[in-house]
Amino acid sequence: MLEKENNSLETIILAGIGALTKTAENAGELLEELVKKGELSFEQGKAINEELKHGIKEHIEEKKQAVQSSVVSSLIEKLDRLTAEELVKIREKIEELENSKIDDIENTKEEGELKHE
Protein backbone atom coordinates (compact mmCIF):
# COMPACT_ATOMS: atom_id res chain seq x y z
CA MET A 1 0.00 0.00 0.00
CA LEU A 2 2.75 2.46 0.96
CA GLU A 3 4.82 1.49 -2.06
CA LYS A 4 1.91 2.36 -4.36
CA GLU A 5 1.63 5.77 -2.64
CA ASN A 6 5.36 6.38 -3.14
CA ASN A 7 5.15 5.45 -6.83
CA SER A 8 2.18 7.79 -7.29
CA LEU A 9 4.03 10.58 -5.51
CA GLU A 10 7.11 10.04 -7.63
CA THR A 11 5.00 10.11 -10.81
CA ILE A 12 3.32 13.36 -9.74
CA ILE A 13 6.63 15.02 -8.88
CA LEU A 14 8.27 13.90 -12.12
CA ALA A 15 5.29 15.08 -14.18
CA GLY A 16 5.42 18.48 -12.50
CA ILE A 17 9.15 18.81 -13.02
CA GLY A 18 8.76 17.71 -16.63
CA ALA A 19 6.07 20.32 -17.24
CA LEU A 20 8.18 23.05 -15.67
CA THR A 21 11.22 21.98 -17.67
CA LYS A 22 9.24 22.04 -20.90
CA THR A 23 7.92 25.51 -20.03
CA ALA A 24 11.46 26.72 -19.37
CA GLU A 25 12.64 25.28 -22.69
CA ASN A 26 9.79 26.99 -24.54
CA ALA A 27 10.50 30.29 -22.78
CA GLY A 28 14.18 29.99 -23.68
CA GLU A 29 13.31 29.39 -27.33
CA LEU A 30 10.98 32.39 -27.33
CA LEU A 31 13.71 34.58 -25.84
CA GLU A 32 16.15 33.40 -28.50
CA GLU A 33 13.65 34.32 -31.23
CA LEU A 34 13.13 37.78 -29.76
CA VAL A 35 16.88 38.33 -29.58
CA LYS A 36 17.26 37.21 -33.23
CA LYS A 37 14.51 39.60 -34.31
CA GLY A 38 16.21 42.39 -32.44
CA GLU A 39 13.28 42.96 -30.09
CA LEU A 40 15.54 42.19 -27.14
CA SER A 41 19.24 42.69 -26.76
CA PHE A 42 21.34 39.63 -26.12
CA GLU A 43 22.02 40.80 -22.56
CA GLN A 44 18.33 41.40 -21.86
CA GLY A 45 17.48 37.94 -23.13
CA LYS A 46 20.21 36.41 -21.02
CA ALA A 47 18.99 38.24 -17.89
CA ILE A 48 15.36 37.22 -18.47
CA ASN A 49 16.43 33.63 -19.06
CA GLU A 50 18.34 33.57 -15.76
CA GLU A 51 15.33 35.04 -13.95
CA LEU A 52 13.12 32.34 -15.45
CA LYS A 53 15.52 29.58 -14.41
CA HIS A 54 15.72 30.93 -10.87
CA GLY A 55 11.94 31.27 -10.64
CA ILE A 56 11.41 27.75 -11.93
CA LYS A 57 13.90 26.29 -9.45
CA GLU A 58 12.09 28.03 -6.60
CA HIS A 59 8.72 26.86 -7.90
CA ILE A 60 9.93 23.27 -8.19
CA GLU A 61 11.25 23.34 -4.63
CA GLU A 62 7.98 24.80 -3.30
CA LYS A 63 5.91 22.16 -5.11
CA LYS A 64 8.21 19.38 -3.98
CA GLN A 65 7.90 20.47 -0.35
CA ALA A 66 4.11 20.78 -0.64
CA VAL A 67 3.80 17.30 -2.16
CA GLN A 68 6.13 15.80 0.44
CA SER A 69 4.14 17.41 3.24
CA SER A 70 0.91 16.11 1.77
CA VAL A 71 2.30 12.59 1.39
CA VAL A 72 3.64 12.57 4.93
CA SER A 73 0.25 13.65 6.27
CA SER A 74 -1.47 10.99 4.20
CA LEU A 75 0.94 8.30 5.40
CA ILE A 76 0.47 9.31 9.02
CA GLU A 77 -3.30 9.03 8.61
CA LYS A 78 -2.91 5.58 7.07
CA LEU A 79 -0.47 4.48 9.77
CA ASP A 80 -3.01 5.48 12.40
CA ARG A 81 -5.47 3.00 10.85
CA LEU A 82 -3.08 0.04 10.77
CA THR A 83 -3.58 -2.98 12.97
CA ALA A 84 -0.95 -4.09 15.48
CA GLU A 85 0.03 -6.94 13.15
CA GLU A 86 0.52 -4.56 10.24
CA LEU A 87 2.66 -2.27 12.41
CA VAL A 88 4.84 -5.22 13.43
CA LYS A 89 5.38 -6.07 9.75
CA ILE A 90 6.32 -2.47 9.02
CA ARG A 91 8.78 -2.41 11.93
CA GLU A 92 10.35 -5.64 10.67
CA LYS A 93 10.69 -4.18 7.17
CA ILE A 94 12.27 -0.99 8.56
CA GLU A 95 14.78 -3.05 10.56
CA GLU A 96 15.55 -5.11 7.46
CA LEU A 97 16.18 -1.96 5.43
CA GLU A 98 18.30 -0.42 8.19
CA ASN A 99 20.42 -3.56 8.43
CA SER A 100 20.79 -3.60 4.66
CA LYS A 101 21.97 0.03 4.66
CA ILE A 102 24.43 -0.70 7.47
CA ASP A 103 25.79 -3.64 5.47
CA ASP A 104 26.10 -1.41 2.40
CA ILE A 105 28.01 1.21 4.40
CA GLU A 106 30.34 -1.39 5.90
CA ASN A 107 30.98 -2.94 2.49
CA THR A 108 31.73 0.47 1.01
CA LYS A 109 34.19 1.20 3.81
CA GLU A 110 35.89 -2.15 3.28
CA GLU A 111 36.15 -1.55 -0.47
CA GLY A 112 37.66 1.88 0.18
CA GLU A 113 40.20 0.42 2.58
CA LEU A 114 41.18 -2.24 0.02
CA LYS A 115 41.75 0.42 -2.65
CA HIS A 116 44.11 2.32 -0.38
CA GLU A 117 46.26 -0.74 0.34
C-alpha atoms as a PDB file:
ATOM      1  CA  MET A   1       0.000   0.000   0.000  1.00  0.00           C
ATOM      2  CA  LEU A   2       2.755   2.461   0.963  1.00  0.00           C
ATOM      3  CA  GLU A   3       4.816   1.492  -2.056  1.00  0.00           C
ATOM      4  CA  LYS A   4       1.907   2.357  -4.361  1.00  0.00           C
ATOM      5  CA  GLU A   5       1.627   5.766  -2.643  1.00  0.00           C
ATOM      6  CA  ASN A   6       5.358   6.380  -3.139  1.00  0.00           C
ATOM      7  CA  ASN A   7       5.145   5.452  -6.825  1.00  0.00           C
ATOM      8  CA  SER A   8       2.178   7.787  -7.290  1.00  0.00           C
ATOM      9  CA  LEU A   9       4.029  10.577  -5.512  1.00  0.00           C
ATOM     10  CA  GLU A  10       7.107  10.036  -7.634  1.00  0.00           C
ATOM     11  CA  THR A  11       4.998  10.114 -10.806  1.00  0.00           C
ATOM     12  CA  ILE A  12       3.323  13.360  -9.742  1.00  0.00           C
ATOM     13  CA  ILE A  13       6.633  15.025  -8.881  1.00  0.00           C
ATOM     14  CA  LEU A  14       8.267  13.901 -12.116  1.00  0.00           C
ATOM     15  CA  ALA A  15       5.286  15.084 -14.178  1.00  0.00           C
ATOM     16  CA  GLY A  16       5.418  18.484 -12.501  1.00  0.00           C
ATOM     17  CA  ILE A  17       9.153  18.806 -13.020  1.00  0.00           C
ATOM     18  CA  GLY A  18       8.764  17.714 -16.625  1.00  0.00           C
ATOM     19  CA  ALA A  19       6.070  20.320 -17.243  1.00  0.00           C
ATOM     20  CA  LEU A  20       8.177  23.051 -15.671  1.00  0.00           C
ATOM     21  CA  THR A  21      11.221  21.983 -17.665  1.00  0.00           C
ATOM     22  CA  LYS A  22       9.235  22.045 -20.903  1.00  0.00           C
ATOM     23  CA  THR A  23       7.920  25.511 -20.031  1.00  0.00           C
ATOM     24  CA  ALA A  24      11.462  26.716 -19.373  1.00  0.00           C
ATOM     25  CA  GLU A  25      12.639  25.279 -22.691  1.00  0.00           C
ATOM     26  CA  ASN A  26       9.794  26.988 -24.544  1.00  0.00           C
ATOM     27  CA  ALA A  27      10.500  30.290 -22.779  1.00  0.00           C
ATOM     28  CA  GLY A  28      14.182  29.990 -23.675  1.00  0.00           C
ATOM     29  CA  GLU A  29      13.311  29.391 -27.328  1.00  0.00           C
ATOM     30  CA  LEU A  30      10.981  32.393 -27.328  1.00  0.00           C
ATOM     31  CA  LEU A  31      13.712  34.585 -25.842  1.00  0.00           C
ATOM     32  CA  GLU A  32      16.153  33.399 -28.498  1.00  0.00           C
ATOM     33  CA  GLU A  33      13.652  34.323 -31.226  1.00  0.00           C
ATOM     34  CA  LEU A  34      13.129  37.776 -29.757  1.00  0.00           C
ATOM     35  CA  VAL A  35      16.884  38.330 -29.578  1.00  0.00           C
ATOM     36  CA  LYS A  36      17.265  37.215 -33.228  1.00  0.00           C
ATOM     37  CA  LYS A  37      14.506  39.597 -34.309  1.00  0.00           C
ATOM     38  CA  GLY A  38      16.211  42.390 -32.436  1.00  0.00           C
ATOM     39  CA  GLU A  39      13.283  42.959 -30.093  1.00  0.00           C
ATOM     40  CA  LEU A  40      15.542  42.191 -27.140  1.00  0.00           C
ATOM     41  CA  SER A  41      19.237  42.695 -26.758  1.00  0.00           C
ATOM     42  CA  PHE A  42      21.336  39.625 -26.116  1.00  0.00           C
ATOM     43  CA  GLU A  43      22.024  40.795 -22.558  1.00  0.00           C
ATOM     44  CA  GLN A  44      18.326  41.399 -21.859  1.00  0.00           C
ATOM     45  CA  GLY A  45      17.481  37.941 -23.134  1.00  0.00           C
ATOM     46  CA  LYS A  46      20.209  36.412 -21.019  1.00  0.00           C
ATOM     47  CA  ALA A  47      18.985  38.243 -17.894  1.00  0.00           C
ATOM     48  CA  ILE A  48      15.364  37.219 -18.475  1.00  0.00           C
ATOM     49  CA  ASN A  49      16.433  33.626 -19.063  1.00  0.00           C
ATOM     50  CA  GLU A  50      18.345  33.574 -15.755  1.00  0.00           C
ATOM     51  CA  GLU A  51      15.328  35.036 -13.949  1.00  0.00           C
ATOM     52  CA  LEU A  52      13.115  32.337 -15.448  1.00  0.00           C
ATOM     53  CA  LYS A  53      15.522  29.581 -14.414  1.00  0.00           C
ATOM     54  CA  HIS A  54      15.722  30.929 -10.874  1.00  0.00           C
ATOM     55  CA  GLY A  55      11.942  31.270 -10.641  1.00  0.00           C
ATOM     56  CA  ILE A  56      11.415  27.750 -11.933  1.00  0.00           C
ATOM     57  CA  LYS A  57      13.899  26.292  -9.449  1.00  0.00           C
ATOM     58  CA  GLU A  58      12.091  28.034  -6.596  1.00  0.00           C
ATOM     59  CA  HIS A  59       8.721  26.863  -7.904  1.00  0.00           C
ATOM     60  CA  ILE A  60       9.925  23.268  -8.194  1.00  0.00           C
ATOM     61  CA  GLU A  61      11.253  23.337  -4.626  1.00  0.00           C
ATOM     62  CA  GLU A  62       7.984  24.796  -3.301  1.00  0.00           C
ATOM     63  CA  LYS A  63       5.907  22.163  -5.112  1.00  0.00           C
ATOM     64  CA  LYS A  64       8.212  19.378  -3.982  1.00  0.00           C
ATOM     65  CA  GLN A  65       7.905  20.466  -0.351  1.00  0.00           C
ATOM     66  CA  ALA A  66       4.114  20.777  -0.640  1.00  0.00           C
ATOM     67  CA  VAL A  67       3.801  17.296  -2.159  1.00  0.00           C
ATOM     68  CA  GLN A  68       6.135  15.797   0.437  1.00  0.00           C
ATOM     69  CA  SER A  69       4.144  17.407   3.240  1.00  0.00           C
ATOM     70  CA  SER A  70       0.906  16.108   1.770  1.00  0.00           C
ATOM     71  CA  VAL A  71       2.297  12.593   1.388  1.00  0.00           C
ATOM     72  CA  VAL A  72       3.645  12.568   4.930  1.00  0.00           C
ATOM     73  CA  SER A  73       0.246  13.655   6.267  1.00  0.00           C
ATOM     74  CA  SER A  74      -1.467  10.990   4.196  1.00  0.00           C
ATOM     75  CA  LEU A  75       0.945   8.303   5.395  1.00  0.00           C
ATOM     76  CA  ILE A  76       0.466   9.313   9.021  1.00  0.00           C
ATOM     77  CA  GLU A  77      -3.301   9.033   8.607  1.00  0.00           C
ATOM     78  CA  LYS A  78      -2.905   5.581   7.074  1.00  0.00           C
ATOM     79  CA  LEU A  79      -0.467   4.479   9.771  1.00  0.00           C
ATOM     80  CA  ASP A  80      -3.006   5.476  12.398  1.00  0.00           C
ATOM     81  CA  ARG A  81      -5.467   3.004  10.854  1.00  0.00           C
ATOM     82  CA  LEU A  82      -3.081   0.038  10.774  1.00  0.00           C
ATOM     83  CA  THR A  83      -3.581  -2.979  12.975  1.00  0.00           C
ATOM     84  CA  ALA A  84      -0.948  -4.086  15.481  1.00  0.00           C
ATOM     85  CA  GLU A  85       0.033  -6.942  13.150  1.00  0.00           C
ATOM     86  CA  GLU A  86       0.523  -4.560  10.237  1.00  0.00           C
ATOM     87  CA  LEU A  87       2.658  -2.273  12.410  1.00  0.00           C
ATOM     88  CA  VAL A  88       4.841  -5.224  13.425  1.00  0.00           C
ATOM     89  CA  LYS A  89       5.382  -6.075   9.747  1.00  0.00           C
ATOM     90  CA  ILE A  90       6.325  -2.470   9.020  1.00  0.00           C
ATOM     91  CA  ARG A  91       8.783  -2.412  11.926  1.00  0.00           C
ATOM     92  CA  GLU A  92      10.353  -5.636  10.666  1.00  0.00           C
ATOM     93  CA  LYS A  93      10.693  -4.180   7.174  1.00  0.00           C
ATOM     94  CA  ILE A  94      12.274  -0.992   8.560  1.00  0.00           C
ATOM     95  CA  GLU A  95      14.778  -3.049  10.557  1.00  0.00           C
ATOM     96  CA  GLU A  96      15.551  -5.115   7.461  1.00  0.00           C
ATOM     97  CA  LEU A  97      16.176  -1.959   5.427  1.00  0.00           C
ATOM     98  CA  GLU A  98      18.300  -0.423   8.194  1.00  0.00           C
ATOM     99  CA  ASN A  99      20.423  -3.558   8.425  1.00  0.00           C
ATOM    100  CA  SER A 100      20.790  -3.600   4.656  1.00  0.00           C
ATOM    101  CA  LYS A 101      21.967   0.031   4.664  1.00  0.00           C
ATOM    102  CA  ILE A 102      24.428  -0.698   7.470  1.00  0.00           C
ATOM    103  CA  ASP A 103      25.789  -3.641   5.474  1.00  0.00           C
ATOM    104  CA  ASP A 104      26.100  -1.407   2.395  1.00  0.00           C
ATOM    105  CA  ILE A 105      28.010   1.212   4.398  1.00  0.00           C
ATOM    106  CA  GLU A 106      30.337  -1.385   5.897  1.00  0.00           C
ATOM    107  CA  ASN A 107      30.977  -2.943   2.488  1.00  0.00           C
ATOM    108  CA  THR A 108      31.726   0.472   1.006  1.00  0.00           C
ATOM    109  CA  LYS A 109      34.194   1.198   3.813  1.00  0.00           C
ATOM    110  CA  GLU A 110      35.891  -2.153   3.282  1.00  0.00           C
ATOM    111  CA  GLU A 111      36.154  -1.546  -0.470  1.00  0.00           C
ATOM    112  CA  GLY A 112      37.655   1.878   0.184  1.00  0.00           C
ATOM    113  CA  GLU A 113      40.204   0.423   2.577  1.00  0.00           C
ATOM    114  CA  LEU A 114      41.175  -2.240   0.017  1.00  0.00           C
ATOM    115  CA  LYS A 115      41.753   0.417  -2.650  1.00  0.00           C
ATOM    116  CA  HIS A 116      44.107   2.320  -0.376  1.00  0.00           C
ATOM    117  CA  GLU A 117      46.256  -0.737   0.340  1.00  0.00           C
END
